[in-house]
């Protein structure tokens, strides 16, 4: 796959990101791209995708970081297709959000006095 084809695949699936496909040294069998979402000068989200090809098998590694230019990577997901790698990343964040929402709700209920007053 060429870098242009890789970029087209990324833009098709994630058009809300501005994509940069990085140069790869000759002989390497992977392509790497970084996508960003910004609002003004504020970086809202960073997404990194690496496409590896080994013995005819293709794999995609997707990882994302939160706010800011130097934000830490939050989670990584690998799958055989770009769409599934990104969907797995999204599923992880949704599951984590639901878990934290459940714990926050339990704490809120625990602070309430019997009878409904907070």
Protein backbone atom coordinates (compact mmCIF):
# COMPACT_ATOMS: atom_id res chain seq x y z
CA UNK A 1 0.00 0.00 0.00
CA UNK A 2 1.28 3.45 -0.85
CA UNK A 3 1.21 6.39 1.59
CA UNK A 4 -1.44 8.06 -0.60
CA UNK A 5 -3.68 4.99 -0.43
CA UNK A 6 -3.16 4.82 3.34
CA UNK A 7 -4.13 8.50 3.69
CA UNK A 8 -7.26 7.94 1.56
CA UNK A 9 -8.26 5.00 3.78
CA UNK A 10 -7.78 7.11 6.93
CA UNK A 11 -9.72 10.10 5.56
CA UNK A 12 -12.56 7.84 4.43
CA UNK A 13 -13.03 6.30 7.89
CA UNK A 14 -12.07 9.30 10.07
CA UNK A 15 -12.76 12.48 8.06
CA UNK A 16 -12.95 14.64 11.20
CA UNK A 17 -9.19 14.39 11.75
CA UNK A 18 -6.39 16.21 9.91
CA UNK A 19 -4.04 13.42 8.80
CA UNK A 20 -0.27 13.41 8.34
CA UNK A 21 1.32 10.27 6.88
CA UNK A 22 4.90 10.05 8.10
CA UNK A 23 7.86 9.09 5.93
CA UNK A 24 9.05 5.52 6.38
CA UNK A 25 12.64 4.45 5.81
CA UNK A 26 13.17 2.18 2.81
CA UNK A 27 12.87 -1.50 3.61
CA UNK A 28 10.38 -0.97 6.42
CA UNK A 29 7.06 -2.75 6.11
CA UNK A 30 4.87 -0.31 8.00
CA UNK A 31 3.14 3.01 7.46
CA UNK A 32 2.48 5.48 10.26
CA UNK A 33 0.04 8.38 10.39
CA UNK A 34 -1.06 10.91 12.96
CA UNK A 35 -4.46 12.55 12.98
CA UNK A 36 -5.42 15.57 15.06
CA UNK A 37 -8.61 17.39 15.96
CA UNK A 38 -8.23 21.00 16.99
CA UNK A 39 -10.37 23.95 17.94
CA UNK A 40 -8.44 27.11 17.25
CA UNK A 41 -5.00 26.58 18.76
CA UNK A 42 -6.27 23.92 21.19
CA UNK A 43 -5.57 20.30 20.33
CA UNK A 44 -8.59 18.24 21.34
CA UNK A 45 -7.54 14.76 20.27
CA UNK A 46 -4.57 12.97 18.73
CA UNK A 47 -4.85 9.62 16.98
CA UNK A 48 -1.90 7.51 15.80
CA UNK A 49 -2.35 4.64 13.35
CA UNK A 50 0.36 2.19 12.29
CA UNK A 51 -0.28 -0.24 9.43
CA UNK A 52 2.00 -3.27 9.48
CA UNK A 53 2.32 -5.96 6.86
CA UNK A 54 4.08 -9.20 7.77
CA UNK A 55 3.92 -12.47 5.82
CA UNK A 56 0.90 -11.24 3.88
CA UNK A 57 -1.01 -10.40 7.08
CA UNK A 58 -2.04 -6.81 7.68
CA UNK A 59 -2.58 -5.35 11.14
CA UNK A 60 -3.51 -1.89 12.33
CA UNK A 61 -2.51 -0.41 15.66
CA UNK A 62 -4.55 2.60 16.75
CA UNK A 63 -3.80 4.67 19.83
CA UNK A 64 -5.11 7.97 21.06
CA UNK A 65 -4.17 10.78 23.38
CA UNK A 66 -6.29 13.43 25.02
CA UNK A 67 -6.04 17.20 25.16
CA UNK A 68 -2.87 19.08 24.38
CA UNK A 69 0.25 18.60 22.32
CA UNK A 70 2.14 16.56 24.92
CA UNK A 71 -0.73 14.46 26.27
CA UNK A 72 0.02 10.85 27.19
CA UNK A 73 -1.29 8.00 25.09
CA UNK A 74 -4.45 6.74 26.77
CA UNK A 75 -5.08 3.37 25.14
CA UNK A 76 -3.95 1.20 22.22
CA UNK A 77 -5.94 -1.30 20.17
CA UNK A 78 -4.76 -3.63 17.39
CA UNK A 79 -6.88 -5.46 14.82
CA UNK A 80 -6.78 -6.81 11.27
CA UNK A 81 -8.71 -3.89 9.78
CA UNK A 82 -8.53 -0.16 10.35
CA UNK A 83 -12.24 0.12 11.10
CA UNK A 84 -12.13 -2.63 13.75
CA UNK A 85 -8.98 -1.20 15.37
CA UNK A 86 -10.64 2.21 15.69
CA UNK A 87 -13.96 0.73 16.81
CA UNK A 88 -12.17 -1.30 19.50
CA UNK A 89 -10.56 1.89 20.75
CA UNK A 90 -13.93 3.64 20.85
CA UNK A 91 -15.56 0.66 22.61
CA UNK A 92 -12.85 0.75 25.28
CA UNK A 93 -13.50 4.44 26.00
CA UNK A 94 -17.27 3.94 26.09
CA UNK A 95 -16.92 0.99 28.49
CA UNK A 96 -14.56 2.99 30.72
CA UNK A 97 -16.91 5.99 30.69
CA UNK A 98 -19.86 3.80 31.69
CA UNK A 99 -17.84 2.24 34.51
CA UNK A 100 -16.85 5.64 35.92
CA UNK A 101 -20.40 6.96 35.47
CA UNK A 102 -21.71 4.01 37.49
CA UNK A 103 -19.21 4.61 40.30
CA UNK A 104 -19.99 8.34 40.36
CA UNK A 105 -23.70 7.57 40.62
CA UNK A 106 -23.11 5.16 43.52
CA UNK A 107 -21.14 7.84 45.39
CA UNK A 108 -23.87 10.41 44.73
CA UNK A 109 -26.54 8.07 46.09
CA UNK A 110 -24.34 7.25 49.07
CA UNK A 111 -24.17 10.94 50.06
CA UNK A 112 -27.93 11.31 50.17
CA UNK A 113 -29.73 11.09 53.47
CA UNK A 114 -32.69 8.74 53.63
CA UNK A 115 -35.71 10.66 52.43
CA UNK A 116 -33.98 12.26 49.43
CA UNK A 117 -32.23 15.32 50.90
CA UNK A 118 -28.61 15.75 49.82
